[in-house]
Amino acid sequence: MTDVSSLLAFTAKKRYLIPLLAFFLPLAVRIIPEVLVGPYIVGFDTMGFYVPNTLAWLHGGIELWNYLAVAPLFYVLLMSLVTAGIPIIMALKILPPLLLGLLGLVIYYYAHKGLGWSPIKSLAPALLGTIYFVALRISWDMLRSELGVIFLFVVLTLLTQIKTGSWKQYFILSLAMMAVVLSHQLVAVILLAVVAFTVIRDLFQKKFHQSLVLITVVFPAAVFAIVVHFFAVVPVGFQDYATSGESPLANWLGFPSYSAMLLSEAGFLLFCFLPLLPLVVFGFKRLGDFQLRCWLISSLILLLIPLAFVSPYRWLLLLIYPFAFFATESVSRLKAIKWKRFKLTVQRIVIFYLILSTCILSFGYVFSPPERPFIYFSPQYLNIYSYQIPTSMQQNTISVADFQGTINALQWFEENKNASDLLLTHTAFYGWALLVLNDDEIRSYEFGDPVSAASLVVQEGYTQVFLIWWIDGAGWYAQSSVSSVFQEVYKSERIAIYFYDLETIA
């Protein structure tokens, strides 16, 4: 403990080092999976959506209304880097570690400036909120959400200064709110909920001027969010379990009924946060921060609403950020317990437990490959939520073990195709194919049936149709094999190119 005390004493004297730690430690941890996968990228959405969408907009142009509707701030950043000459894969390897580092930094400043915590105490939620495995999962591919949370903490920090703010500060606050809305729709909902609760509280306390200022400041972001996101993009609707035997989301989320949805949410909450929950409950009672409580309460309310267009698991994942603060406050309050044995206090024991459990889970998540996941993330044992918490960070739409095989297969097709040949791709391979082939040489059937997709393109006049998939018995996405109408013509490791054989069908 002497060494730890010496380190804390040193950092207390060199206070400028603490925010640097809040930035560089998360960044360093997030770099690890990028290094482990070599020249490729991690994250399902990263390869499955960010790559295709960015390339489509860069090559095909932008329809402004639809572009604004997707909350495009991250895409603006990504497209700017690609336009400047940085390869899209390199940009998507650089941005996630930087975003996680920035998130650690803004969490630190919210704790330090917004809550008035000491630098050392402020460092704790910055690290827990970025290195805990749930935070790493978010940084795996929920990059737009992460960018939105960064701006949300900027907003929360500025809100603590609103009592003494100038109109210049209000203008900056309004811009930060708009940045949240332009970053991600779900984070925008959390922002608007926190602001709404704050306005209601101020009205009850007869702080009418402060309420009016806050309403004025949030008005542009609120109008944009409502008009563009909710009316134009999302067909706001509720899942009616009473009139349907099975939810349209059942195949992915397993919600055949409303009660099943609530039970699944409760199970997911325990899976994600069981190591933290005792500290969170204890800290919630003692941390009186109104904004973080509003974040938690609004998320719990949203979990009770069976929205038909969004996974409720996303609200639960984002709870890691307020939970990091409640757990930190809980550990801080344990200092008041005077019990001590062999130089160990209750607080030191809990700190050791928190560091150990976080490191075991997080580094197990980072270092274990998908084929041999750490036991906590294995679907065979505890992780029945593998569609939400993937078994490892060393994957995107496919496993790191299949990266090179996929590139080899696509390059073989590129070198051996005729001008009229067409390659069918599942969403898992569509982004990969765009990195090697031209868009007019590919047809994505998303998560559908490759046989039906092949039949449709043949009706369009294509006679040479190919498919990229895993070899027999190795496939993901509940499709271990392909139909016999596809004949294997090339194989590299576990990935194969198949030919759609019209004669077999006849």
Protein backbone atom coordinates (compact mmCIF):
# COMPACT_ATOMS: atom_id res chain seq x y z
CA MET A 1 0.00 0.00 0.00
CA THR A 2 2.98 2.29 0.48
CA ASP A 3 3.68 2.29 -3.24
CA VAL A 4 0.05 3.13 -4.00
CA SER A 5 0.12 5.93 -1.45
CA SER A 6 3.31 7.28 -2.97
CA LEU A 7 1.75 7.18 -6.44
CA LEU A 8 -1.35 9.01 -5.25
CA ALA A 9 0.80 11.60 -3.49
CA PHE A 10 2.82 12.11 -6.66
CA THR A 11 -0.25 12.53 -8.85
CA ALA A 12 -1.78 14.88 -6.30
CA LYS A 13 1.23 17.15 -6.72
CA LYS A 14 1.21 16.75 -10.50
CA ARG A 15 -2.50 17.28 -10.99
CA TYR A 16 -2.17 17.87 -14.72
CA LEU A 17 -1.28 14.17 -15.04
CA ILE A 18 -4.72 13.01 -13.84
CA PRO A 19 -6.78 14.24 -16.83
CA LEU A 20 -4.05 12.82 -19.06
CA LEU A 21 -4.57 9.45 -17.40
CA ALA A 22 -8.33 9.81 -17.94
CA PHE A 23 -7.62 10.20 -21.66
CA PHE A 24 -4.69 7.90 -22.34
CA LEU A 25 -5.59 4.83 -20.24
CA PRO A 26 -8.93 4.20 -22.04
CA LEU A 27 -7.27 4.98 -25.35
CA ALA A 28 -4.50 2.47 -24.64
CA VAL A 29 -6.97 -0.29 -23.68
CA ARG A 30 -9.08 0.34 -26.79
CA ILE A 31 -6.01 0.16 -29.02
CA ILE A 32 -5.32 -3.44 -27.90
CA PRO A 33 -8.01 -5.16 -30.02
CA GLU A 34 -7.04 -2.99 -32.99
CA VAL A 35 -3.48 -4.25 -32.66
CA LEU A 36 -4.59 -7.86 -32.20
CA VAL A 37 -6.60 -7.88 -35.46
CA GLY A 38 -3.78 -6.36 -37.48
CA PRO A 39 -4.72 -4.23 -40.52
CA TYR A 40 -8.45 -4.88 -40.13
CA ILE A 41 -11.17 -3.27 -38.00
CA VAL A 42 -13.42 -4.48 -35.18
CA GLY A 43 -17.12 -3.88 -34.66
CA PHE A 44 -20.26 -5.21 -36.35
CA ASP A 45 -21.73 -1.81 -37.22
CA THR A 46 -18.26 -0.59 -38.12
CA MET A 47 -17.93 -3.05 -41.01
CA GLY A 48 -21.61 -3.78 -41.59
CA PHE A 49 -22.89 -0.21 -41.78
CA TYR A 50 -20.25 2.51 -41.38
CA VAL A 51 -18.14 1.23 -44.28
CA PRO A 52 -21.06 0.70 -46.74
CA ASN A 53 -22.86 3.93 -45.82
CA THR A 54 -19.73 6.07 -46.02
CA LEU A 55 -18.66 4.64 -49.37
CA ALA A 56 -22.20 4.98 -50.76
CA TRP A 57 -22.42 8.64 -49.76
CA LEU A 58 -18.93 9.45 -51.02
CA HIS A 59 -19.50 7.79 -54.40
CA GLY A 60 -23.22 8.31 -54.92
CA GLY A 61 -23.86 11.66 -53.29
CA ILE A 62 -26.06 12.70 -50.39
CA GLU A 63 -29.78 13.36 -50.13
CA LEU A 64 -29.69 15.99 -47.38
CA TRP A 65 -32.94 15.15 -45.60
CA ASN A 66 -32.17 11.42 -45.32
CA TYR A 67 -28.60 12.21 -44.36
CA LEU A 68 -29.69 14.46 -41.49
CA ALA A 69 -32.17 11.83 -40.40
CA VAL A 70 -29.47 9.32 -39.46
CA ALA A 71 -27.83 11.71 -36.95
CA PRO A 72 -24.76 12.04 -39.20
CA LEU A 73 -22.16 13.84 -37.08
CA PHE A 74 -19.93 10.77 -36.83
CA TYR A 75 -20.30 10.22 -40.57
CA VAL A 76 -19.33 13.84 -41.21
CA LEU A 77 -16.13 13.25 -39.25
CA LEU A 78 -15.43 9.92 -40.95
CA MET A 79 -16.15 11.19 -44.46
CA SER A 80 -13.93 14.22 -43.87
CA LEU A 81 -11.00 11.95 -42.97
CA VAL A 82 -11.59 9.71 -46.00
CA THR A 83 -11.93 12.72 -48.30
CA ALA A 84 -8.64 14.04 -46.90
CA GLY A 85 -6.92 10.87 -48.14
CA ILE A 86 -6.99 8.60 -45.09
CA PRO A 87 -8.14 5.07 -46.05
CA ILE A 88 -11.51 4.26 -44.53
CA ILE A 89 -10.15 1.23 -42.65
CA MET A 90 -7.35 3.30 -41.14
CA ALA A 91 -9.83 6.01 -40.13
CA LEU A 92 -12.02 3.40 -38.43
CA LYS A 93 -9.02 2.03 -36.55
CA ILE A 94 -7.98 5.48 -35.32
CA LEU A 95 -11.33 6.99 -34.36
CA PRO A 96 -12.63 4.42 -31.80
CA PRO A 97 -9.60 4.66 -29.45
CA LEU A 98 -9.65 8.46 -29.73
CA LEU A 99 -13.37 8.59 -28.96
CA LEU A 100 -12.96 6.40 -25.89
CA GLY A 101 -10.08 8.57 -24.69
CA LEU A 102 -12.17 11.72 -25.18
CA LEU A 103 -15.06 10.09 -23.34
CA GLY A 104 -12.80 9.38 -20.37
CA LEU A 105 -11.70 13.01 -20.40
CA VAL A 106 -15.21 14.52 -20.47
CA ILE A 107 -16.39 12.13 -17.74
CA TYR A 108 -13.44 13.28 -15.63
CA TYR A 109 -14.30 16.95 -16.13
CA TYR A 110 -17.96 16.39 -15.34
CA ALA A 111 -16.98 14.72 -12.06
CA HIS A 112 -14.37 17.39 -11.27
CA LYS A 113 -16.09 20.58 -12.47
CA GLY A 114 -19.73 19.54 -12.37
CA LEU A 115 -19.81 17.57 -9.12
CA GLY A 116 -16.85 19.23 -7.44
CA TRP A 117 -15.02 15.96 -6.84
CA SER A 118 -11.29 15.82 -6.21
CA PRO A 119 -9.05 14.96 -9.19
CA ILE A 120 -8.31 11.45 -7.85
CA LYS A 121 -11.98 10.70 -7.19
CA SER A 122 -12.94 12.11 -10.60
CA LEU A 123 -10.52 9.74 -12.29
CA ALA A 124 -12.42 6.69 -10.96
CA PRO A 125 -15.67 7.11 -12.98
CA ALA A 126 -13.62 8.17 -16.00
CA LEU A 127 -11.82 4.82 -15.95
CA LEU A 128 -14.74 2.65 -14.84
CA GLY A 129 -17.01 4.27 -17.43
CA THR A 130 -14.59 3.50 -20.25
CA ILE A 131 -12.70 0.31 -19.31
CA TYR A 132 -15.52 -1.80 -17.80
CA PHE A 133 -16.50 -4.42 -20.39
CA VAL A 134 -19.90 -2.84 -21.13
CA ALA A 135 -18.17 0.43 -22.00
CA LEU A 136 -15.72 -1.47 -24.20
CA ARG A 137 -18.63 -3.18 -25.92
CA ILE A 138 -20.12 0.25 -26.70
CA SER A 139 -16.77 1.41 -28.06
CA TRP A 140 -16.61 -1.79 -30.16
CA ASP A 141 -19.09 -0.49 -32.73
CA MET A 142 -21.62 1.94 -31.16
CA LEU A 143 -19.46 4.85 -32.26
CA ARG A 144 -22.30 7.26 -32.98
CA SER A 145 -23.74 6.59 -29.52
CA GLU A 146 -20.31 7.12 -27.99
CA LEU A 147 -19.89 10.45 -29.76
CA GLY A 148 -23.33 11.47 -28.52
CA VAL A 149 -22.41 10.55 -24.94
CA ILE A 150 -19.24 12.65 -25.20
CA PHE A 151 -21.32 15.72 -26.09
CA LEU A 152 -23.93 14.75 -23.48
CA PHE A 153 -21.32 14.98 -20.72
CA VAL A 154 -20.24 18.34 -22.12
CA VAL A 155 -23.87 19.46 -21.84
CA LEU A 156 -24.22 18.09 -18.30
CA THR A 157 -21.06 19.92 -17.25
CA LEU A 158 -22.29 23.20 -18.74
CA LEU A 159 -25.69 22.76 -17.09
CA THR A 160 -24.03 22.85 -13.69
CA GLN A 161 -22.81 26.35 -14.55
CA ILE A 162 -26.13 27.69 -15.86
CA LYS A 163 -26.84 29.68 -12.70
CA THR A 164 -23.97 32.04 -13.40
CA GLY A 165 -23.81 31.62 -17.17
CA SER A 166 -23.53 34.40 -19.73
CA TRP A 167 -25.36 34.39 -23.06
CA LYS A 168 -22.10 33.26 -24.64
CA GLN A 169 -22.12 30.19 -22.39
CA TYR A 170 -25.80 29.59 -23.21
CA PHE A 171 -24.99 29.69 -26.91
CA ILE A 172 -22.21 27.12 -26.43
CA LEU A 173 -24.60 24.99 -24.38
CA SER A 174 -27.18 25.14 -27.17
CA LEU A 175 -24.57 24.09 -29.74
CA ALA A 176 -23.51 21.19 -27.53
CA MET A 177 -27.13 20.06 -27.26
CA MET A 178 -27.47 20.19 -31.03
CA ALA A 179 -24.28 18.14 -31.31
CA VAL A 180 -25.89 15.45 -29.13
CA VAL A 181 -28.95 15.36 -31.37
CA LEU A 182 -26.79 15.19 -34.49
CA SER A 183 -24.74 12.35 -33.01
CA HIS A 184 -27.35 9.75 -32.01
CA GLN A 185 -31.11 9.54 -31.59
CA LEU A 186 -31.18 7.49 -28.37
CA VAL A 187 -28.66 9.72 -26.60
CA ALA A 188 -30.77 12.68 -27.74
CA VAL A 189 -33.76 11.13 -25.92
CA ILE A 190 -31.71 10.92 -22.72
CA LEU A 191 -30.63 14.56 -23.13
CA LEU A 192 -34.19 15.79 -23.65
CA ALA A 193 -35.40 13.75 -20.67
CA VAL A 194 -32.73 15.22 -18.38
CA VAL A 195 -33.52 18.75 -19.56
CA ALA A 196 -37.27 18.19 -19.15
CA PHE A 197 -36.85 16.93 -15.59
CA THR A 198 -34.56 19.89 -14.84
CA VAL A 199 -37.11 22.41 -16.15
CA ILE A 200 -39.90 20.80 -14.11
CA ARG A 201 -37.75 20.90 -10.97
CA ASP A 202 -36.87 24.56 -11.52
CA LEU A 203 -40.54 25.45 -12.05
CA PHE A 204 -41.50 23.75 -8.78
CA GLN A 205 -38.71 25.71 -7.08
CA LYS A 206 -40.06 28.91 -8.72
CA LYS A 207 -36.83 29.48 -10.64
CA PHE A 208 -38.79 30.83 -13.61
CA HIS A 209 -35.96 32.77 -15.23
CA GLN A 210 -33.66 29.75 -15.11
CA SER A 211 -36.40 27.55 -16.59
CA LEU A 212 -37.06 30.01 -19.40
CA VAL A 213 -33.37 30.20 -20.25
CA LEU A 214 -33.06 26.41 -20.34
CA ILE A 215 -36.15 26.05 -22.55
CA THR A 216 -34.74 28.66 -24.93
CA VAL A 217 -31.35 26.97 -25.01
CA VAL A 218 -32.72 23.48 -25.72
CA PHE A 219 -35.40 24.62 -28.18
CA PRO A 220 -33.37 24.25 -31.44
CA ALA A 221 -32.11 20.78 -30.53
CA ALA A 222 -35.56 19.65 -29.36
CA VAL A 223 -37.30 20.84 -32.53
CA PHE A 224 -34.67 19.19 -34.72
CA ALA A 225 -34.90 15.94 -32.79
CA ILE A 226 -38.70 15.82 -32.95
CA VAL A 227 -39.13 16.89 -36.57
CA VAL A 228 -36.24 15.04 -38.16
CA HIS A 229 -35.71 11.99 -35.97
CA PHE A 230 -39.13 11.09 -34.64
CA PHE A 231 -41.53 12.23 -37.38
CA ALA A 232 -39.37 11.74 -40.47
CA VAL A 233 -37.21 8.77 -39.56
CA VAL A 234 -38.72 6.58 -36.92
CA PRO A 235 -42.29 5.43 -37.44
CA VAL A 236 -42.94 5.82 -33.73
CA GLY A 237 -44.93 2.80 -32.69
CA PHE A 238 -45.40 0.34 -29.89
CA GLN A 239 -45.21 -3.41 -30.01
CA ASP A 240 -48.71 -4.77 -29.45
CA TYR A 241 -48.18 -8.16 -27.87
CA ALA A 242 -51.90 -8.60 -27.25
CA THR A 243 -52.79 -8.91 -30.95
CA SER A 244 -49.78 -10.90 -32.09
CA GLY A 245 -48.53 -14.29 -31.06
CA GLU A 246 -44.95 -13.27 -31.64
CA SER A 247 -43.05 -9.99 -31.74
CA PRO A 248 -41.40 -9.04 -35.05
CA LEU A 249 -38.27 -8.65 -32.95
CA ALA A 250 -38.57 -12.14 -31.50
CA ASN A 251 -36.04 -13.74 -33.85
CA TRP A 252 -33.37 -11.31 -32.70
CA LEU A 253 -34.40 -10.31 -29.22
CA GLY A 254 -36.56 -13.18 -28.05
CA PHE A 255 -39.60 -11.15 -26.92
CA PRO A 256 -42.70 -13.27 -27.59
CA SER A 257 -44.60 -11.30 -24.94
CA TYR A 258 -44.39 -8.17 -22.83
CA SER A 259 -43.52 -10.17 -19.72
CA ALA A 260 -40.79 -11.96 -21.67
CA MET A 261 -39.39 -8.57 -22.65
CA LEU A 262 -39.22 -7.44 -19.01
CA LEU A 263 -37.62 -10.71 -17.89
CA SER A 264 -35.05 -10.51 -20.67
CA GLU A 265 -34.21 -6.91 -19.75
CA ALA A 266 -33.77 -7.90 -16.11
CA GLY A 267 -31.49 -10.77 -17.10
CA PHE A 268 -29.45 -8.51 -19.36
CA LEU A 269 -29.12 -5.95 -16.58
CA LEU A 270 -27.73 -8.61 -14.27
CA PHE A 271 -25.40 -9.99 -16.93
CA CYS A 272 -23.95 -6.56 -17.64
CA PHE A 273 -23.75 -5.06 -14.18
CA LEU A 274 -23.90 -7.78 -11.51
CA PRO A 275 -20.34 -6.99 -10.27
CA LEU A 276 -21.34 -3.32 -9.87
CA LEU A 277 -24.96 -3.46 -8.71
CA PRO A 278 -24.36 -3.57 -4.91
CA LEU A 279 -22.14 -0.50 -5.19
CA VAL A 280 -24.56 1.22 -7.57
CA VAL A 281 -27.54 0.74 -5.22
CA PHE A 282 -25.53 1.95 -2.23
CA GLY A 283 -24.18 4.93 -4.17
CA PHE A 284 -27.54 5.92 -5.68
CA LYS A 285 -28.89 6.65 -2.22
CA ARG A 286 -25.92 8.85 -1.40
CA LEU A 287 -25.06 10.66 -4.62
CA GLY A 288 -27.56 13.46 -4.90
CA ASP A 289 -26.68 14.54 -8.44
CA PHE A 290 -29.98 15.38 -10.09
CA GLN A 291 -28.81 14.91 -13.69
CA LEU A 292 -27.42 11.40 -13.25
CA ARG A 293 -30.54 10.35 -11.37
CA CYS A 294 -32.68 11.70 -14.21
CA TRP A 295 -30.57 9.71 -16.68
CA LEU A 296 -31.16 6.52 -14.71
CA ILE A 297 -34.86 7.11 -14.05
CA SER A 298 -35.64 8.05 -17.66
CA SER A 299 -33.80 4.94 -18.91
CA LEU A 300 -35.77 2.71 -16.52
CA ILE A 301 -39.02 4.27 -17.76
CA LEU A 302 -38.03 3.68 -21.38
CA LEU A 303 -37.28 0.05 -20.56
CA LEU A 304 -40.96 -0.41 -19.64
CA ILE A 305 -42.17 0.89 -23.02
CA PRO A 306 -42.27 -1.80 -25.74
CA LEU A 307 -41.02 0.37 -28.59
CA ALA A 308 -41.17 -1.48 -31.90
CA PHE A 309 -38.21 0.23 -33.55
CA VAL A 310 -35.35 0.00 -31.06
CA SER A 311 -33.71 -2.64 -28.92
CA PRO A 312 -34.30 -1.91 -25.21
CA TYR A 313 -30.86 -3.38 -24.56
CA ARG A 314 -29.37 -0.14 -25.85
CA TRP A 315 -30.84 1.83 -22.95
CA LEU A 316 -29.32 -0.71 -20.57
CA LEU A 317 -25.86 -0.55 -22.14
CA LEU A 318 -25.78 3.24 -21.76
CA LEU A 319 -26.40 2.90 -18.02
CA ILE A 320 -22.71 2.12 -17.54
CA TYR A 321 -22.02 5.86 -17.44
CA PRO A 322 -24.27 6.92 -14.51
CA PHE A 323 -23.50 3.59 -12.81
CA ALA A 324 -19.78 4.47 -12.86
CA PHE A 325 -20.55 7.58 -10.80
CA PHE A 326 -22.83 5.79 -8.32
CA ALA A 327 -20.22 3.05 -7.78
CA THR A 328 -17.49 5.64 -7.26
CA GLU A 329 -19.57 7.51 -4.68
CA SER A 330 -20.26 4.24 -2.91
CA VAL A 331 -16.55 3.42 -2.66
CA SER A 332 -15.83 6.94 -1.45
CA ARG A 333 -18.40 6.66 1.37
CA LEU A 334 -16.84 3.41 2.59
CA LYS A 335 -13.96 5.48 3.96
CA ALA A 336 -16.21 6.29 6.92
CA ILE A 337 -16.17 2.64 8.03
CA LYS A 338 -13.36 2.42 10.58
CA TRP A 339 -12.90 -1.38 10.60
CA LYS A 340 -9.29 -2.30 9.86
CA ARG A 341 -7.34 -5.53 9.88
CA PHE A 342 -3.80 -6.18 8.64
CA LYS A 343 -3.75 -2.66 7.17
CA LEU A 344 -6.84 -3.51 5.13
CA THR A 345 -9.91 -1.32 5.40
CA VAL A 346 -13.34 -2.01 3.91
CA GLN A 347 -12.70 0.68 1.33
CA ARG A 348 -9.38 -0.86 0.23
CA ILE A 349 -10.96 -4.31 -0.03
CA VAL A 350 -13.78 -2.97 -2.22
CA ILE A 351 -11.34 -1.01 -4.39
CA PHE A 352 -9.30 -4.16 -4.89
CA TYR A 353 -12.47 -6.12 -5.75
CA LEU A 354 -13.60 -3.46 -8.21
CA ILE A 355 -10.24 -3.27 -9.98
CA LEU A 356 -9.84 -7.03 -10.08
CA SER A 357 -13.35 -7.81 -11.37
CA THR A 358 -13.16 -5.05 -13.99
CA CYS A 359 -9.74 -6.17 -15.24
CA ILE A 360 -10.69 -9.87 -15.38
CA LEU A 361 -13.87 -9.23 -17.37
CA SER A 362 -12.54 -6.46 -19.58
CA PHE A 363 -9.24 -8.06 -20.50
CA GLY A 364 -10.94 -11.43 -20.95
CA TYR A 365 -13.24 -9.64 -23.40
CA VAL A 366 -10.34 -7.98 -25.22
CA PHE A 367 -7.80 -10.80 -25.43
CA SER A 368 -9.92 -13.93 -25.97
CA PRO A 369 -10.79 -14.83 -29.59
CA PRO A 370 -14.43 -15.48 -30.61
CA GLU A 371 -13.84 -19.24 -31.03
CA ARG A 372 -12.46 -19.53 -27.49
CA PRO A 373 -14.18 -16.77 -25.54
CA PHE A 374 -13.61 -15.99 -21.90
CA ILE A 375 -16.12 -18.08 -19.94
CA TYR A 376 -18.27 -15.10 -18.93
CA PHE A 377 -18.87 -14.23 -22.61
CA SER A 378 -19.36 -17.77 -23.89
CA PRO A 379 -22.91 -18.58 -25.10
CA GLN A 380 -22.39 -22.10 -23.75
CA TYR A 381 -22.22 -20.80 -20.19
CA LEU A 382 -23.48 -17.33 -19.29
CA ASN A 383 -23.77 -15.15 -22.37
CA ILE A 384 -27.23 -15.81 -23.78
CA TYR A 385 -27.11 -12.23 -25.10
CA SER A 386 -24.35 -12.76 -27.67
CA TYR A 387 -26.20 -10.66 -30.27
CA GLN A 388 -25.85 -7.71 -27.89
CA ILE A 389 -22.58 -8.56 -26.11
CA PRO A 390 -20.43 -10.35 -28.70
CA THR A 391 -18.18 -13.10 -27.44
CA SER A 392 -15.01 -11.12 -28.10
CA MET A 393 -13.84 -7.75 -29.35
CA GLN A 394 -11.71 -9.54 -31.94
CA GLN A 395 -14.42 -9.61 -34.59
CA ASN A 396 -16.54 -7.35 -36.71
CA THR A 397 -19.24 -8.97 -38.84
CA ILE A 398 -17.03 -12.10 -38.88
CA SER A 399 -14.35 -13.56 -36.64
CA VAL A 400 -10.74 -12.44 -36.73
CA ALA A 401 -9.97 -16.04 -37.75
CA ASP A 402 -11.83 -15.43 -41.03
CA PHE A 403 -10.43 -12.02 -41.97
CA GLN A 404 -7.67 -13.23 -44.26
CA GLY A 405 -9.81 -16.00 -45.78
CA THR A 406 -12.48 -13.44 -46.69
CA ILE A 407 -9.97 -11.15 -48.38
CA ASN A 408 -8.48 -14.10 -50.28
CA ALA A 409 -11.91 -15.22 -51.48
CA LEU A 410 -12.91 -11.74 -52.63
CA GLN A 411 -9.61 -11.23 -54.42
CA TRP A 412 -10.05 -14.61 -56.16
CA PHE A 413 -13.50 -13.53 -57.35
CA GLU A 414 -12.12 -10.17 -58.53
CA GLU A 415 -9.40 -11.89 -60.56
CA ASN A 416 -11.61 -14.62 -62.06
CA LYS A 417 -14.98 -12.96 -62.66
CA ASN A 418 -16.46 -12.01 -66.00
CA ALA A 419 -17.94 -8.61 -66.66
CA SER A 420 -21.49 -9.88 -66.15
CA ASP A 421 -20.83 -11.88 -62.95
CA LEU A 422 -22.58 -10.90 -59.72
CA LEU A 423 -21.62 -11.72 -56.13
CA LEU A 424 -24.38 -12.14 -53.55
CA THR A 425 -23.45 -11.03 -50.04
CA HIS A 426 -25.03 -11.28 -46.62
CA THR A 427 -24.69 -8.11 -44.51
CA ALA A 428 -21.75 -9.85 -42.83
CA PHE A 429 -19.75 -9.75 -46.08
CA TYR A 430 -21.16 -6.67 -47.82
CA GLY A 431 -18.75 -4.15 -46.28
CA TRP A 432 -15.85 -6.51 -46.93
CA ALA A 433 -16.87 -6.88 -50.58
CA LEU A 434 -17.07 -3.11 -51.08
CA LEU A 435 -13.41 -2.84 -50.07
CA VAL A 436 -12.36 -5.10 -52.97
CA LEU A 437 -15.10 -4.95 -55.64
CA ASN A 438 -17.17 -2.31 -57.37
CA ASP A 439 -20.66 -1.71 -56.06
CA ASP A 440 -22.29 -2.88 -59.34
CA GLU A 441 -20.58 -6.28 -58.94
CA ILE A 442 -22.26 -6.94 -55.58
CA ARG A 443 -25.83 -7.52 -54.45
CA SER A 444 -26.57 -7.55 -50.72
CA TYR A 445 -29.47 -9.68 -49.54
CA GLU A 446 -28.96 -8.31 -46.00
CA PHE A 447 -30.14 -10.98 -43.50
CA GLY A 448 -32.42 -12.74 -45.95
CA ASP A 449 -32.33 -16.04 -47.84
CA PRO A 450 -29.52 -16.41 -50.42
CA VAL A 451 -31.57 -18.86 -52.54
CA SER A 452 -34.41 -16.35 -52.88
CA ALA A 453 -31.90 -13.58 -53.63
CA ALA A 454 -30.24 -15.70 -56.32
CA SER A 455 -33.60 -16.51 -57.91
CA LEU A 456 -34.48 -12.81 -58.09
CA VAL A 457 -31.23 -11.73 -59.75
CA VAL A 458 -31.54 -14.55 -62.30
CA GLN A 459 -34.97 -13.16 -63.20
CA GLU A 460 -33.23 -9.83 -63.76
CA GLY A 461 -31.07 -11.46 -66.42
CA TYR A 462 -27.91 -12.51 -64.54
CA THR A 463 -26.71 -15.98 -65.47
CA GLN A 464 -23.43 -16.12 -63.54
CA VAL A 465 -24.31 -15.67 -59.87
CA PHE A 466 -21.92 -16.35 -57.01
CA LEU A 467 -22.17 -16.34 -53.22
CA ILE A 468 -19.59 -15.78 -50.47
CA TRP A 469 -20.17 -17.74 -47.25
CA TRP A 470 -18.45 -19.98 -44.77
CA ILE A 471 -17.57 -23.56 -45.69
CA ASP A 472 -20.10 -26.27 -44.89
CA GLY A 473 -20.83 -26.41 -41.16
CA ALA A 474 -18.86 -23.30 -40.19
CA GLY A 475 -21.39 -20.54 -40.93
CA TRP A 476 -22.57 -17.86 -38.53
CA TYR A 477 -25.96 -16.13 -38.18
CA ALA A 478 -27.87 -19.41 -37.75
CA GLN A 479 -26.84 -20.49 -41.27
CA SER A 480 -24.16 -23.11 -40.76
CA SER A 481 -24.39 -24.34 -44.36
CA VAL A 482 -25.68 -23.17 -47.75
CA SER A 483 -28.24 -24.83 -49.98
CA SER A 484 -27.13 -27.53 -52.40
CA VAL A 485 -28.02 -25.22 -55.29
CA PHE A 486 -24.74 -23.44 -54.52
CA GLN A 487 -21.60 -25.32 -55.60
CA GLU A 488 -18.26 -24.50 -53.98
CA VAL A 489 -15.74 -23.22 -56.54
CA TYR A 490 -13.08 -21.70 -54.27
CA LYS A 491 -12.08 -22.03 -50.63
CA SER A 492 -9.64 -20.16 -48.43
CA GLU A 493 -9.47 -21.40 -44.86
CA ARG A 494 -13.12 -21.28 -43.61
CA ILE A 495 -14.47 -18.96 -46.33
CA ALA A 496 -15.70 -20.13 -49.74
CA ILE A 497 -17.07 -18.78 -53.01
CA TYR A 498 -20.09 -20.67 -54.31
CA PHE A 499 -21.63 -20.77 -57.81
CA TYR A 500 -25.40 -20.70 -58.20
CA ASP A 501 -25.99 -23.81 -60.34
CA LEU A 502 -29.09 -23.36 -62.49
CA GLU A 503 -28.79 -26.91 -63.83
CA THR A 504 -29.14 -28.32 -60.31
CA ILE A 505 -32.38 -26.40 -59.89
CA ALA A 506 -33.73 -27.57 -63.23
